[in-house]
Amino acid sequence: MSNKIFVYGTLTKGFYNHRVIEGATLLGTHETEPEYTMANLGGFPAVLLDGEHSIKGEVYEVDEDTFRRADALEGYPSFYNRIEIDTKYGKAWMYYIKEISPHRRIVIIEAGEWK
């Protein structure tokens, strides 16, 4: 069985954690509806479900083993959670963070693209 995941941060092609999903099938790029907030948490981004920005990323088809590795990397479900979103490739899972500690210094990425 396979799943689709929408990635927008260090799992995207060219970043250091892409190795976790290397070998998965890239279906293409996608931009979400403008209903999220992307925050820079230092070495990685996080998406919050409330907001007014689109998130830009990539959609991959992954097997169960790769999906489990991505969950482990993202600390699912204790750090990140996930939600199924509509993409032009069908439903895909997107990792999001429920809340960010008020003690953590963050920068909002209005463009919705991690670079």
N, C-alpha and C. Protein backbone atom coordinates (compact mmCIF):
# COMPACT_ATOMS: atom_id res chain seq x y z
N MET A 1 0.84 -1.19 0.00
CA MET A 1 0.00 0.00 0.00
C MET A 1 0.88 1.24 0.00
N SER A 2 0.42 2.29 -0.65
CA SER A 2 1.21 3.52 -0.70
C SER A 2 0.38 4.70 -0.19
N ASN A 3 1.09 5.72 0.19
CA ASN A 3 0.49 6.97 0.63
C ASN A 3 1.13 8.10 -0.15
N LYS A 4 0.47 9.23 -0.14
CA LYS A 4 1.06 10.43 -0.71
C LYS A 4 1.36 11.38 0.44
N ILE A 5 2.52 12.03 0.36
CA ILE A 5 2.86 13.05 1.34
C ILE A 5 3.23 14.34 0.62
N PHE A 6 2.83 15.44 1.24
CA PHE A 6 3.17 16.77 0.75
C PHE A 6 4.26 17.30 1.68
N VAL A 7 5.44 17.55 1.13
CA VAL A 7 6.56 18.03 1.95
C VAL A 7 6.92 19.44 1.53
N TYR A 8 7.37 20.24 2.50
CA TYR A 8 7.62 21.65 2.25
C TYR A 8 8.91 22.15 2.89
N GLY A 9 9.63 21.29 3.56
CA GLY A 9 10.81 21.73 4.30
C GLY A 9 12.03 20.89 3.98
N THR A 10 12.65 20.36 5.03
CA THR A 10 13.91 19.64 4.86
C THR A 10 13.75 18.29 4.16
N LEU A 11 12.52 17.83 3.95
CA LEU A 11 12.30 16.60 3.18
C LEU A 11 12.27 16.86 1.68
N THR A 12 12.21 18.14 1.27
CA THR A 12 12.16 18.43 -0.17
C THR A 12 13.51 18.17 -0.82
N LYS A 13 13.46 17.97 -2.12
CA LYS A 13 14.66 17.67 -2.90
C LYS A 13 15.71 18.78 -2.71
N GLY A 14 16.94 18.36 -2.46
CA GLY A 14 18.03 19.31 -2.27
C GLY A 14 18.35 19.61 -0.82
N PHE A 15 17.48 19.21 0.11
CA PHE A 15 17.73 19.44 1.53
C PHE A 15 18.18 18.15 2.21
N TYR A 16 18.81 18.31 3.36
CA TYR A 16 19.50 17.21 4.02
C TYR A 16 18.62 16.05 4.46
N ASN A 17 17.36 16.26 4.74
CA ASN A 17 16.50 15.14 5.16
C ASN A 17 15.79 14.45 4.00
N HIS A 18 16.04 14.92 2.79
CA HIS A 18 15.42 14.27 1.63
C HIS A 18 15.83 12.81 1.54
N ARG A 19 16.99 12.47 2.11
CA ARG A 19 17.47 11.08 2.09
C ARG A 19 16.45 10.12 2.71
N VAL A 20 15.61 10.61 3.62
CA VAL A 20 14.59 9.78 4.28
C VAL A 20 13.55 9.28 3.27
N ILE A 21 13.25 10.08 2.25
CA ILE A 21 12.24 9.68 1.26
C ILE A 21 12.85 9.43 -0.11
N GLU A 22 14.18 9.42 -0.17
CA GLU A 22 14.85 9.17 -1.45
C GLU A 22 14.37 7.84 -2.03
N GLY A 23 14.09 7.83 -3.29
CA GLY A 23 13.56 6.63 -3.94
C GLY A 23 12.05 6.66 -4.07
N ALA A 24 11.40 7.57 -3.32
CA ALA A 24 9.95 7.73 -3.46
C ALA A 24 9.66 8.41 -4.81
N THR A 25 8.46 8.24 -5.29
CA THR A 25 8.09 8.81 -6.58
C THR A 25 7.62 10.26 -6.41
N LEU A 26 8.36 11.19 -7.02
CA LEU A 26 7.95 12.59 -7.02
C LEU A 26 6.81 12.75 -8.02
N LEU A 27 5.65 13.16 -7.54
CA LEU A 27 4.52 13.39 -8.43
C LEU A 27 4.56 14.80 -9.01
N GLY A 28 5.14 15.73 -8.26
CA GLY A 28 5.28 17.09 -8.74
C GLY A 28 5.16 18.10 -7.63
N THR A 29 5.16 19.37 -8.02
CA THR A 29 5.05 20.45 -7.04
C THR A 29 3.58 20.78 -6.81
N HIS A 30 3.34 21.42 -5.68
CA HIS A 30 1.97 21.80 -5.33
C HIS A 30 2.01 23.04 -4.45
N GLU A 31 0.97 23.85 -4.57
CA GLU A 31 0.79 25.00 -3.70
C GLU A 31 -0.59 24.89 -3.07
N THR A 32 -0.65 24.95 -1.74
CA THR A 32 -1.91 24.77 -1.03
C THR A 32 -2.80 26.00 -1.17
N GLU A 33 -4.00 25.85 -0.72
CA GLU A 33 -4.91 26.99 -0.58
C GLU A 33 -4.31 27.93 0.48
N PRO A 34 -4.66 29.22 0.45
CA PRO A 34 -4.08 30.18 1.41
C PRO A 34 -4.78 30.13 2.77
N GLU A 35 -4.50 29.05 3.52
CA GLU A 35 -5.15 28.90 4.83
C GLU A 35 -4.20 28.45 5.92
N TYR A 36 -2.90 28.64 5.72
CA TYR A 36 -1.90 28.17 6.66
C TYR A 36 -0.91 29.28 7.02
N THR A 37 -0.07 28.98 7.99
CA THR A 37 1.05 29.85 8.34
C THR A 37 2.30 28.99 8.38
N MET A 38 3.37 29.44 7.71
CA MET A 38 4.65 28.75 7.78
C MET A 38 5.57 29.58 8.68
N ALA A 39 6.20 28.91 9.63
CA ALA A 39 7.12 29.57 10.54
C ALA A 39 8.50 28.96 10.41
N ASN A 40 9.51 29.78 10.49
CA ASN A 40 10.90 29.34 10.50
C ASN A 40 11.26 29.06 11.95
N LEU A 41 11.57 27.82 12.26
CA LEU A 41 11.93 27.44 13.62
C LEU A 41 13.44 27.30 13.79
N GLY A 42 14.19 27.91 12.92
CA GLY A 42 15.65 27.83 12.98
C GLY A 42 16.15 27.00 11.82
N GLY A 43 16.42 25.73 12.05
CA GLY A 43 16.94 24.87 11.00
C GLY A 43 15.88 24.18 10.17
N PHE A 44 14.61 24.47 10.46
CA PHE A 44 13.53 23.81 9.73
C PHE A 44 12.26 24.65 9.86
N PRO A 45 11.31 24.44 8.93
CA PRO A 45 10.05 25.16 9.02
C PRO A 45 8.97 24.32 9.70
N ALA A 46 7.90 24.98 10.06
CA ALA A 46 6.72 24.30 10.57
C ALA A 46 5.50 25.01 10.00
N VAL A 47 4.45 24.25 9.77
CA VAL A 47 3.19 24.81 9.28
C VAL A 47 2.17 24.73 10.40
N LEU A 48 1.47 25.85 10.58
CA LEU A 48 0.33 25.92 11.50
C LEU A 48 -0.94 25.93 10.67
N LEU A 49 -2.01 25.33 11.18
CA LEU A 49 -3.23 25.19 10.39
C LEU A 49 -3.98 26.49 10.20
N ASP A 50 -3.82 27.44 11.10
CA ASP A 50 -4.50 28.72 10.96
C ASP A 50 -3.60 29.70 10.23
N GLY A 51 -4.15 30.42 9.28
CA GLY A 51 -3.37 31.42 8.59
C GLY A 51 -4.00 31.86 7.29
N GLU A 52 -3.22 32.62 6.55
CA GLU A 52 -3.70 33.20 5.30
C GLU A 52 -2.72 33.01 4.15
N HIS A 53 -1.78 32.08 4.32
CA HIS A 53 -0.74 31.90 3.31
C HIS A 53 -0.82 30.52 2.66
N SER A 54 -0.41 30.46 1.41
CA SER A 54 -0.25 29.19 0.71
C SER A 54 1.11 28.60 1.08
N ILE A 55 1.19 27.29 1.05
CA ILE A 55 2.45 26.60 1.31
C ILE A 55 2.87 25.93 0.00
N LYS A 56 4.14 26.12 -0.36
CA LYS A 56 4.67 25.53 -1.60
C LYS A 56 5.54 24.34 -1.24
N GLY A 57 5.35 23.25 -1.98
CA GLY A 57 6.14 22.06 -1.70
C GLY A 57 6.04 21.04 -2.80
N GLU A 58 6.33 19.80 -2.43
CA GLU A 58 6.38 18.68 -3.37
C GLU A 58 5.50 17.55 -2.86
N VAL A 59 4.89 16.83 -3.78
CA VAL A 59 4.06 15.67 -3.43
C VAL A 59 4.78 14.41 -3.90
N TYR A 60 4.89 13.46 -2.97
CA TYR A 60 5.55 12.18 -3.25
C TYR A 60 4.59 11.03 -2.96
N GLU A 61 4.73 9.98 -3.74
CA GLU A 61 4.07 8.72 -3.41
C GLU A 61 5.11 7.87 -2.70
N VAL A 62 4.76 7.41 -1.50
CA VAL A 62 5.71 6.68 -0.67
C VAL A 62 5.14 5.33 -0.26
N ASP A 63 6.01 4.36 -0.08
CA ASP A 63 5.56 3.07 0.43
C ASP A 63 5.45 3.16 1.96
N GLU A 64 4.93 2.10 2.58
CA GLU A 64 4.69 2.11 4.03
C GLU A 64 5.98 2.32 4.83
N ASP A 65 7.07 1.70 4.42
CA ASP A 65 8.34 1.85 5.13
C ASP A 65 8.83 3.29 5.07
N THR A 66 8.76 3.91 3.91
CA THR A 66 9.18 5.30 3.76
C THR A 66 8.27 6.22 4.56
N PHE A 67 6.98 5.93 4.57
CA PHE A 67 6.02 6.72 5.34
C PHE A 67 6.35 6.65 6.83
N ARG A 68 6.68 5.48 7.32
CA ARG A 68 7.07 5.32 8.74
C ARG A 68 8.35 6.08 9.05
N ARG A 69 9.32 6.06 8.12
CA ARG A 69 10.57 6.81 8.34
C ARG A 69 10.29 8.31 8.38
N ALA A 70 9.42 8.80 7.50
CA ALA A 70 9.06 10.23 7.51
C ALA A 70 8.36 10.58 8.82
N ASP A 71 7.45 9.73 9.28
CA ASP A 71 6.78 9.95 10.57
C ASP A 71 7.80 10.03 11.70
N ALA A 72 8.77 9.13 11.70
CA ALA A 72 9.79 9.12 12.75
C ALA A 72 10.62 10.40 12.72
N LEU A 73 11.03 10.82 11.53
CA LEU A 73 11.81 12.05 11.40
C LEU A 73 11.02 13.24 11.93
N GLU A 74 9.74 13.31 11.60
CA GLU A 74 8.91 14.45 11.98
C GLU A 74 8.40 14.37 13.42
N GLY A 75 8.73 13.28 14.12
CA GLY A 75 8.29 13.15 15.50
C GLY A 75 6.78 12.99 15.62
N TYR A 76 6.19 12.35 14.63
CA TYR A 76 4.75 12.12 14.63
C TYR A 76 4.38 11.05 15.64
N PRO A 77 3.40 11.24 16.48
CA PRO A 77 2.49 12.38 16.60
C PRO A 77 2.82 13.33 17.75
N SER A 78 3.97 13.18 18.38
CA SER A 78 4.25 14.00 19.56
C SER A 78 4.74 15.41 19.22
N PHE A 79 5.52 15.57 18.14
CA PHE A 79 5.99 16.91 17.77
C PHE A 79 5.14 17.47 16.64
N TYR A 80 5.18 16.79 15.50
CA TYR A 80 4.30 17.15 14.39
C TYR A 80 3.11 16.20 14.38
N ASN A 81 2.01 16.70 13.87
CA ASN A 81 0.87 15.86 13.58
C ASN A 81 0.72 15.90 12.06
N ARG A 82 -0.29 15.26 11.52
CA ARG A 82 -0.49 15.37 10.08
C ARG A 82 -1.97 15.45 9.77
N ILE A 83 -2.22 16.05 8.62
CA ILE A 83 -3.58 16.23 8.14
C ILE A 83 -3.59 15.89 6.65
N GLU A 84 -4.67 15.30 6.20
CA GLU A 84 -4.79 14.98 4.78
C GLU A 84 -5.34 16.21 4.05
N ILE A 85 -4.63 16.63 3.01
CA ILE A 85 -5.04 17.80 2.24
C ILE A 85 -5.30 17.39 0.79
N ASP A 86 -6.03 18.23 0.09
CA ASP A 86 -6.27 18.02 -1.33
C ASP A 86 -5.11 18.62 -2.12
N THR A 87 -4.58 17.85 -3.05
CA THR A 87 -3.55 18.35 -3.96
C THR A 87 -3.99 18.03 -5.38
N LYS A 88 -3.29 18.56 -6.35
CA LYS A 88 -3.64 18.24 -7.74
C LYS A 88 -3.32 16.80 -8.10
N TYR A 89 -2.70 16.06 -7.17
CA TYR A 89 -2.37 14.64 -7.36
C TYR A 89 -3.26 13.75 -6.49
N GLY A 90 -4.29 14.33 -5.90
CA GLY A 90 -5.16 13.60 -4.98
C GLY A 90 -4.83 13.97 -3.54
N LYS A 91 -5.39 13.24 -2.62
CA LYS A 91 -5.16 13.48 -1.19
C LYS A 91 -3.72 13.16 -0.83
N ALA A 92 -3.15 13.98 0.05
CA ALA A 92 -1.78 13.75 0.53
C ALA A 92 -1.70 14.20 1.98
N TRP A 93 -0.83 13.55 2.72
CA TRP A 93 -0.62 13.91 4.12
C TRP A 93 0.37 15.07 4.21
N MET A 94 0.05 16.06 5.05
CA MET A 94 0.95 17.18 5.31
C MET A 94 1.21 17.24 6.82
N TYR A 95 2.47 17.38 7.18
CA TYR A 95 2.83 17.52 8.59
C TYR A 95 2.61 18.96 9.04
N TYR A 96 2.08 19.11 10.23
CA TYR A 96 1.87 20.43 10.81
C TYR A 96 2.16 20.37 12.31
N ILE A 97 2.34 21.53 12.88
CA ILE A 97 2.59 21.63 14.31
C ILE A 97 1.36 22.26 14.95
N LYS A 98 0.93 21.71 16.08
CA LYS A 98 -0.28 22.20 16.73
C LYS A 98 -0.10 23.60 17.28
N GLU A 99 1.03 23.82 17.91
CA GLU A 99 1.32 25.13 18.47
C GLU A 99 2.82 25.28 18.65
N ILE A 100 3.25 26.52 18.69
CA ILE A 100 4.67 26.81 18.89
C ILE A 100 4.81 27.47 20.25
N SER A 101 5.75 27.00 21.02
CA SER A 101 5.98 27.54 22.35
C SER A 101 6.13 29.06 22.28
N PRO A 102 5.47 29.79 23.17
CA PRO A 102 5.59 31.25 23.16
C PRO A 102 7.00 31.72 23.50
N HIS A 103 7.82 30.82 24.04
CA HIS A 103 9.20 31.16 24.39
C HIS A 103 10.15 31.02 23.21
N ARG A 104 9.67 30.41 22.15
CA ARG A 104 10.50 30.18 20.97
C ARG A 104 10.42 31.37 20.03
N ARG A 105 11.56 31.83 19.59
CA ARG A 105 11.60 32.94 18.65
C ARG A 105 11.34 32.39 17.25
N ILE A 106 10.32 32.91 16.59
CA ILE A 106 9.99 32.43 15.25
C ILE A 106 9.90 33.59 14.27
N VAL A 107 10.04 33.25 13.02
CA VAL A 107 9.84 34.20 11.93
C VAL A 107 8.81 33.59 11.00
N ILE A 108 7.78 34.36 10.67
CA ILE A 108 6.74 33.87 9.75
C ILE A 108 7.27 34.01 8.32
N ILE A 109 7.10 32.96 7.53
CA ILE A 109 7.52 32.94 6.13
C ILE A 109 6.28 33.18 5.29
N GLU A 110 6.01 34.45 4.98
CA GLU A 110 4.78 34.81 4.26
C GLU A 110 4.71 34.21 2.86
N ALA A 111 5.86 34.01 2.23
CA ALA A 111 5.88 33.45 0.87
C ALA A 111 5.49 31.98 0.86
N GLY A 112 5.53 31.31 2.05
CA GLY A 112 5.14 29.92 2.14
C GLY A 112 6.08 28.95 1.49
N GLU A 113 7.33 29.38 1.33
CA GLU A 113 8.32 28.52 0.66
C GLU A 113 9.60 28.50 1.46
N TRP A 114 10.02 27.32 1.88
CA TRP A 114 11.26 27.13 2.63
C TRP A 114 12.43 27.08 1.66
N LYS A 115 13.41 27.93 1.89
CA LYS A 115 14.59 27.95 1.00
C LYS A 115 15.85 27.83 1.80
